[in-house]
Amino acid sequence: MDVLTALRSATAERHAELDTRTPLAAAAPDLRAYRDHLQLLEAWLAPIQSAQGAGPQQALPPRDYLALIRSDLAHPALAGLPAAPVLAPEAWTAQQDAAWRWGVAYVIEGSQLGGAVLYKRLAERLAPHPLAYLRGEGSPGPRWQQFLAALRGAVVTPAQIEQACQGARQAFDSLITLLNSSSAEPAGHP
């Protein structure tokens, strides 16, 4: 089985759950929902990035997703919003298995495709905020194709594919756990 097919299958339910539960999944997300979304992603990504280091993404041009998130959080358009839910990031244990780290990178890089869709949907609604994290640095398509080519070259055996699937599932599960720990109802939800 191709690694991409296996990863999609292994994470489909988790991906679908996040698509309906994140703060930006609300019918009419506002700036508070965007702020909550960014804080969720920051709490999720910071420990992963710290434990994972450059990981498989060194096969791609450098991109600092945490810097984009933090820049958006500091934007003046978010000043004066009610307090955000407090999130307690999970500890993330560094894994030595390269295939496992490729699975985690699949989730991180794949999230940029969803970000581009959200940017198109929300840019006008949430203006004047620039939504730099969602916008990224242009179309995510070419980077995603580079990532897939590198992934397919690095993760080829059934054992490697299973390790990649485990890494991807853990990455999704840690984000879902953070979402579940949110102490307040997401913005835009009744």
C-alpha atoms as a PDB file:
ATOM      1  CA  MET A   1       0.000   0.000   0.000  1.00  0.00           C
ATOM      2  CA  ASP A   2       1.199   3.492  -0.832  1.00  0.00           C
ATOM      3  CA  VAL A   3       2.191   5.499   2.254  1.00  0.00           C
ATOM      4  CA  LEU A   4      -0.154   8.377   1.421  1.00  0.00           C
ATOM      5  CA  THR A   5      -3.130   6.031   1.050  1.00  0.00           C
ATOM      6  CA  ALA A   6      -2.235   4.379   4.351  1.00  0.00           C
ATOM      7  CA  LEU A   7      -1.869   7.720   6.158  1.00  0.00           C
ATOM      8  CA  ARG A   8      -5.187   9.003   4.831  1.00  0.00           C
ATOM      9  CA  SER A   9      -6.936   5.817   5.894  1.00  0.00           C
ATOM     10  CA  ALA A  10      -5.280   5.761   9.324  1.00  0.00           C
ATOM     11  CA  THR A  11      -6.281   9.343  10.119  1.00  0.00           C
ATOM     12  CA  ALA A  12      -9.591   9.848   8.272  1.00  0.00           C
ATOM     13  CA  GLU A  13     -11.833   9.684  11.352  1.00  0.00           C
ATOM     14  CA  ARG A  14      -9.581  11.965  13.376  1.00  0.00           C
ATOM     15  CA  HIS A  15      -9.355  14.440  10.503  1.00  0.00           C
ATOM     16  CA  ALA A  16     -13.136  14.480  10.122  1.00  0.00           C
ATOM     17  CA  GLU A  17     -13.580  15.079  13.846  1.00  0.00           C
ATOM     18  CA  LEU A  18     -11.239  18.070  13.799  1.00  0.00           C
ATOM     19  CA  ASP A  19     -12.950  19.495  10.723  1.00  0.00           C
ATOM     20  CA  THR A  20     -16.160  19.797  12.733  1.00  0.00           C
ATOM     21  CA  ARG A  21     -14.807  20.741  16.167  1.00  0.00           C
ATOM     22  CA  THR A  22     -12.050  23.334  15.889  1.00  0.00           C
ATOM     23  CA  PRO A  23     -12.962  26.955  16.682  1.00  0.00           C
ATOM     24  CA  LEU A  24     -13.016  27.837  12.976  1.00  0.00           C
ATOM     25  CA  ALA A  25     -15.558  25.085  12.272  1.00  0.00           C
ATOM     26  CA  ALA A  26     -18.315  27.322  13.637  1.00  0.00           C
ATOM     27  CA  ALA A  27     -20.982  28.497  11.200  1.00  0.00           C
ATOM     28  CA  ALA A  28     -19.866  32.124  11.528  1.00  0.00           C
ATOM     29  CA  PRO A  29     -16.352  32.229  13.000  1.00  0.00           C
ATOM     30  CA  ASP A  30     -15.158  35.572  14.285  1.00  0.00           C
ATOM     31  CA  LEU A  31     -11.807  36.971  15.416  1.00  0.00           C
ATOM     32  CA  ARG A  32     -12.214  35.305  18.799  1.00  0.00           C
ATOM     33  CA  ALA A  33     -12.600  31.946  17.042  1.00  0.00           C
ATOM     34  CA  TYR A  34      -9.463  32.665  15.027  1.00  0.00           C
ATOM     35  CA  ARG A  35      -7.546  33.595  18.179  1.00  0.00           C
ATOM     36  CA  ASP A  36      -8.749  30.400  19.891  1.00  0.00           C
ATOM     37  CA  HIS A  37      -7.789  28.375  16.820  1.00  0.00           C
ATOM     38  CA  LEU A  38      -4.292  29.881  16.791  1.00  0.00           C
ATOM     39  CA  GLN A  39      -3.806  29.236  20.504  1.00  0.00           C
ATOM     40  CA  LEU A  40      -4.909  25.639  20.052  1.00  0.00           C
ATOM     41  CA  LEU A  41      -2.407  25.163  17.240  1.00  0.00           C
ATOM     42  CA  GLU A  42       0.381  26.890  19.157  1.00  0.00           C
ATOM     43  CA  ALA A  43      -0.178  24.668  22.215  1.00  0.00           C
ATOM     44  CA  TRP A  44      -0.167  21.632  19.921  1.00  0.00           C
ATOM     45  CA  LEU A  45       2.726  22.503  17.643  1.00  0.00           C
ATOM     46  CA  ALA A  46       5.241  23.971  20.110  1.00  0.00           C
ATOM     47  CA  PRO A  47       5.950  20.721  21.996  1.00  0.00           C
ATOM     48  CA  ILE A  48       5.983  18.709  18.766  1.00  0.00           C
ATOM     49  CA  GLN A  49       8.409  21.050  17.086  1.00  0.00           C
ATOM     50  CA  SER A  50      10.610  21.120  20.163  1.00  0.00           C
ATOM     51  CA  ALA A  51      10.764  17.320  20.409  1.00  0.00           C
ATOM     52  CA  GLN A  52      10.880  16.625  16.684  1.00  0.00           C
ATOM     53  CA  GLY A  53      13.489  19.209  15.739  1.00  0.00           C
ATOM     54  CA  ALA A  54      13.837  19.764  12.011  1.00  0.00           C
ATOM     55  CA  GLY A  55      12.725  16.190  11.335  1.00  0.00           C
ATOM     56  CA  PRO A  56      11.583  15.199   7.864  1.00  0.00           C
ATOM     57  CA  GLN A  57      10.648  18.765   7.024  1.00  0.00           C
ATOM     58  CA  GLN A  58      14.296  19.576   6.455  1.00  0.00           C
ATOM     59  CA  ALA A  59      13.664  18.065   3.005  1.00  0.00           C
ATOM     60  CA  LEU A  60      11.612  21.233   2.312  1.00  0.00           C
ATOM     61  CA  PRO A  61      12.400  24.945   2.265  1.00  0.00           C
ATOM     62  CA  PRO A  62      12.302  26.217   5.865  1.00  0.00           C
ATOM     63  CA  ARG A  63       8.972  27.496   7.160  1.00  0.00           C
ATOM     64  CA  ASP A  64       8.377  28.573  10.744  1.00  0.00           C
ATOM     65  CA  TYR A  65       4.709  27.853  11.424  1.00  0.00           C
ATOM     66  CA  LEU A  66       5.014  28.862  15.077  1.00  0.00           C
ATOM     67  CA  ALA A  67       6.343  32.291  14.073  1.00  0.00           C
ATOM     68  CA  LEU A  68       3.326  32.789  11.780  1.00  0.00           C
ATOM     69  CA  ILE A  69       0.954  31.731  14.563  1.00  0.00           C
ATOM     70  CA  ARG A  70       2.600  34.041  17.101  1.00  0.00           C
ATOM     71  CA  SER A  71       2.625  36.951  14.656  1.00  0.00           C
ATOM     72  CA  ASP A  72      -1.107  36.512  14.080  1.00  0.00           C
ATOM     73  CA  LEU A  73      -1.746  36.282  17.835  1.00  0.00           C
ATOM     74  CA  ALA A  74       0.088  39.593  18.326  1.00  0.00           C
ATOM     75  CA  HIS A  75      -1.930  41.412  15.646  1.00  0.00           C
ATOM     76  CA  PRO A  76      -3.800  44.463  17.028  1.00  0.00           C
ATOM     77  CA  ALA A  77      -7.108  43.189  15.612  1.00  0.00           C
ATOM     78  CA  LEU A  78      -7.129  40.604  18.430  1.00  0.00           C
ATOM     79  CA  ALA A  79      -6.603  43.164  21.204  1.00  0.00           C
ATOM     80  CA  GLY A  80      -9.467  43.494  23.659  1.00  0.00           C
ATOM     81  CA  LEU A  81     -11.007  40.075  23.066  1.00  0.00           C
ATOM     82  CA  PRO A  82     -12.365  38.189  26.096  1.00  0.00           C
ATOM     83  CA  ALA A  83      -9.928  35.838  27.788  1.00  0.00           C
ATOM     84  CA  ALA A  84      -9.081  32.687  25.887  1.00  0.00           C
ATOM     85  CA  PRO A  85      -9.511  29.149  27.168  1.00  0.00           C
ATOM     86  CA  VAL A  86      -6.415  27.920  28.973  1.00  0.00           C
ATOM     87  CA  LEU A  87      -4.830  24.961  27.237  1.00  0.00           C
ATOM     88  CA  ALA A  88      -2.303  22.649  28.839  1.00  0.00           C
ATOM     89  CA  PRO A  89      -0.039  21.274  26.127  1.00  0.00           C
ATOM     90  CA  GLU A  90       0.802  17.593  26.324  1.00  0.00           C
ATOM     91  CA  ALA A  91       4.395  16.578  26.756  1.00  0.00           C
ATOM     92  CA  TRP A  92       5.708  15.262  23.478  1.00  0.00           C
ATOM     93  CA  THR A  93       8.301  12.525  23.545  1.00  0.00           C
ATOM     94  CA  ALA A  94      10.889  12.662  20.815  1.00  0.00           C
ATOM     95  CA  GLN A  95      10.830   9.579  18.639  1.00  0.00           C
ATOM     96  CA  GLN A  96      13.955   8.240  17.020  1.00  0.00           C
ATOM     97  CA  ASP A  97      12.068   6.351  14.319  1.00  0.00           C
ATOM     98  CA  ALA A  98      12.286   8.425  11.128  1.00  0.00           C
ATOM     99  CA  ALA A  99       9.108   6.930   9.639  1.00  0.00           C
ATOM    100  CA  TRP A 100       7.146   7.881  12.770  1.00  0.00           C
ATOM    101  CA  ARG A 101       8.405  11.482  12.421  1.00  0.00           C
ATOM    102  CA  TRP A 102       7.330  11.456   8.756  1.00  0.00           C
ATOM    103  CA  GLY A 103       3.810  10.639   9.941  1.00  0.00           C
ATOM    104  CA  VAL A 104       3.825  13.610  12.310  1.00  0.00           C
ATOM    105  CA  ALA A 105       5.153  15.845   9.531  1.00  0.00           C
ATOM    106  CA  TYR A 106       2.313  14.615   7.287  1.00  0.00           C
ATOM    107  CA  VAL A 107      -0.200  16.068   9.754  1.00  0.00           C
ATOM    108  CA  ILE A 108       1.668  19.374  10.126  1.00  0.00           C
ATOM    109  CA  GLU A 109       2.228  19.886   6.407  1.00  0.00           C
ATOM    110  CA  GLY A 110      -1.255  18.670   5.503  1.00  0.00           C
ATOM    111  CA  SER A 111      -2.801  21.237   7.818  1.00  0.00           C
ATOM    112  CA  GLN A 112      -1.530  23.930   5.469  1.00  0.00           C
ATOM    113  CA  LEU A 113      -3.873  22.698   2.741  1.00  0.00           C
ATOM    114  CA  GLY A 114      -6.820  23.173   5.083  1.00  0.00           C
ATOM    115  CA  GLY A 115      -5.446  26.560   6.085  1.00  0.00           C
ATOM    116  CA  ALA A 116      -5.554  27.740   2.474  1.00  0.00           C
ATOM    117  CA  VAL A 117      -9.225  26.739   2.223  1.00  0.00           C
ATOM    118  CA  LEU A 118     -10.005  28.537   5.487  1.00  0.00           C
ATOM    119  CA  TYR A 119      -8.145  31.634   4.321  1.00  0.00           C
ATOM    120  CA  LYS A 120     -10.313  31.908   1.202  1.00  0.00           C
ATOM    121  CA  ARG A 121     -13.447  31.478   3.309  1.00  0.00           C
ATOM    122  CA  LEU A 122     -12.469  33.860   6.119  1.00  0.00           C
ATOM    123  CA  ALA A 123     -10.189  36.581   4.681  1.00  0.00           C
ATOM    124  CA  GLU A 124     -12.974  39.069   4.025  1.00  0.00           C
ATOM    125  CA  ARG A 125     -14.965  38.204   7.157  1.00  0.00           C
ATOM    126  CA  LEU A 126     -11.999  38.616   9.545  1.00  0.00           C
ATOM    127  CA  ALA A 127     -10.396  41.654   7.873  1.00  0.00           C
ATOM    128  CA  PRO A 128      -8.399  43.670   8.759  1.00  0.00           C
ATOM    129  CA  HIS A 129      -6.567  40.738  10.334  1.00  0.00           C
ATOM    130  CA  PRO A 130      -4.131  39.414   7.677  1.00  0.00           C
ATOM    131  CA  LEU A 131      -4.594  35.723   8.673  1.00  0.00           C
ATOM    132  CA  ALA A 132      -0.902  35.170   7.907  1.00  0.00           C
ATOM    133  CA  TYR A 133      -0.892  31.654   9.320  1.00  0.00           C
ATOM    134  CA  LEU A 134      -3.803  30.544   7.143  1.00  0.00           C
ATOM    135  CA  ARG A 135      -2.499  32.419   4.100  1.00  0.00           C
ATOM    136  CA  GLY A 136       0.974  30.924   4.447  1.00  0.00           C
ATOM    137  CA  GLU A 137       3.491  31.877   1.834  1.00  0.00           C
ATOM    138  CA  GLY A 138       1.450  31.437  -1.297  1.00  0.00           C
ATOM    139  CA  SER A 139      -0.234  28.293  -2.528  1.00  0.00           C
ATOM    140  CA  PRO A 140       0.578  25.268  -0.351  1.00  0.00           C
ATOM    141  CA  GLY A 141       0.240  22.937  -3.347  1.00  0.00           C
ATOM    142  CA  PRO A 142       3.878  22.976  -4.551  1.00  0.00           C
ATOM    143  CA  ARG A 143       5.248  22.477  -1.027  1.00  0.00           C
ATOM    144  CA  TRP A 144       2.763  19.642  -0.434  1.00  0.00           C
ATOM    145  CA  GLN A 145       3.894  17.935  -3.654  1.00  0.00           C
ATOM    146  CA  GLN A 146       7.547  18.261  -2.583  1.00  0.00           C
ATOM    147  CA  PHE A 147       6.660  16.804   0.782  1.00  0.00           C
ATOM    148  CA  LEU A 148       4.788  13.868  -0.765  1.00  0.00           C
ATOM    149  CA  ALA A 149       7.701  13.052  -3.068  1.00  0.00           C
ATOM    150  CA  ALA A 150      10.119  13.050  -0.121  1.00  0.00           C
ATOM    151  CA  LEU A 151       7.677  11.029   2.026  1.00  0.00           C
ATOM    152  CA  ARG A 152       7.225   8.394  -0.665  1.00  0.00           C
ATOM    153  CA  GLY A 153      10.996   8.126  -1.063  1.00  0.00           C
ATOM    154  CA  ALA A 154      11.643   7.735   2.668  1.00  0.00           C
ATOM    155  CA  VAL A 155       8.719   5.589   3.865  1.00  0.00           C
ATOM    156  CA  VAL A 156       8.414   2.498   1.697  1.00  0.00           C
ATOM    157  CA  THR A 157       8.348  -0.750   3.678  1.00  0.00           C
ATOM    158  CA  PRO A 158       5.211  -2.015   5.426  1.00  0.00           C
ATOM    159  CA  ALA A 159       6.911  -1.527   8.811  1.00  0.00           C
ATOM    160  CA  GLN A 160       7.861   2.062   7.939  1.00  0.00           C
ATOM    161  CA  ILE A 161       4.351   2.780   6.687  1.00  0.00           C
ATOM    162  CA  GLU A 162       2.860   1.474   9.949  1.00  0.00           C
ATOM    163  CA  GLN A 163       5.276   3.638  11.964  1.00  0.00           C
ATOM    164  CA  ALA A 164       4.295   6.692   9.893  1.00  0.00           C
ATOM    165  CA  CYS A 165       0.621   5.918  10.539  1.00  0.00           C
ATOM    166  CA  GLN A 166       1.299   5.679  14.289  1.00  0.00           C
ATOM    167  CA  GLY A 167       3.057   9.055  14.262  1.00  0.00           C
ATOM    168  CA  ALA A 168       0.211  10.675  12.328  1.00  0.00           C
ATOM    169  CA  ARG A 169      -2.423   9.203  14.649  1.00  0.00           C
ATOM    170  CA  GLN A 170      -0.528  10.453  17.692  1.00  0.00           C
ATOM    171  CA  ALA A 171      -0.243  13.934  16.194  1.00  0.00           C
ATOM    172  CA  PHE A 172      -4.000  14.046  15.557  1.00  0.00           C
ATOM    173  CA  ASP A 173      -4.762  12.551  18.985  1.00  0.00           C
ATOM    174  CA  SER A 174      -2.697  15.181  20.775  1.00  0.00           C
ATOM    175  CA  LEU A 175      -4.588  17.949  18.980  1.00  0.00           C
ATOM    176  CA  ILE A 176      -7.931  16.330  19.828  1.00  0.00           C
ATOM    177  CA  THR A 177      -6.863  16.011  23.477  1.00  0.00           C
ATOM    178  CA  LEU A 178      -6.044  19.727  23.571  1.00  0.00           C
ATOM    179  CA  LEU A 179      -9.371  20.548  21.978  1.00  0.00           C
ATOM    180  CA  ASN A 180     -11.139  18.422  24.580  1.00  0.00           C
ATOM    181  CA  SER A 181      -9.289  20.196  27.389  1.00  0.00           C
ATOM    182  CA  SER A 182     -10.538  23.608  26.297  1.00  0.00           C
ATOM    183  CA  SER A 183     -12.423  25.060  29.246  1.00  0.00           C
ATOM    184  CA  ALA A 184     -14.722  27.354  27.271  1.00  0.00           C
ATOM    185  CA  GLU A 185     -17.199  26.864  24.453  1.00  0.00           C
ATOM    186  CA  PRO A 186     -15.479  27.876  21.183  1.00  0.00           C
ATOM    187  CA  ALA A 187     -16.421  31.243  19.730  1.00  0.00           C
ATOM    188  CA  GLY A 188     -19.247  31.191  17.219  1.00  0.00           C
ATOM    189  CA  HIS A 189     -20.942  28.159  18.808  1.00  0.00           C
ATOM    190  CA  PRO A 190     -24.318  28.536  20.575  1.00  0.00           C
END
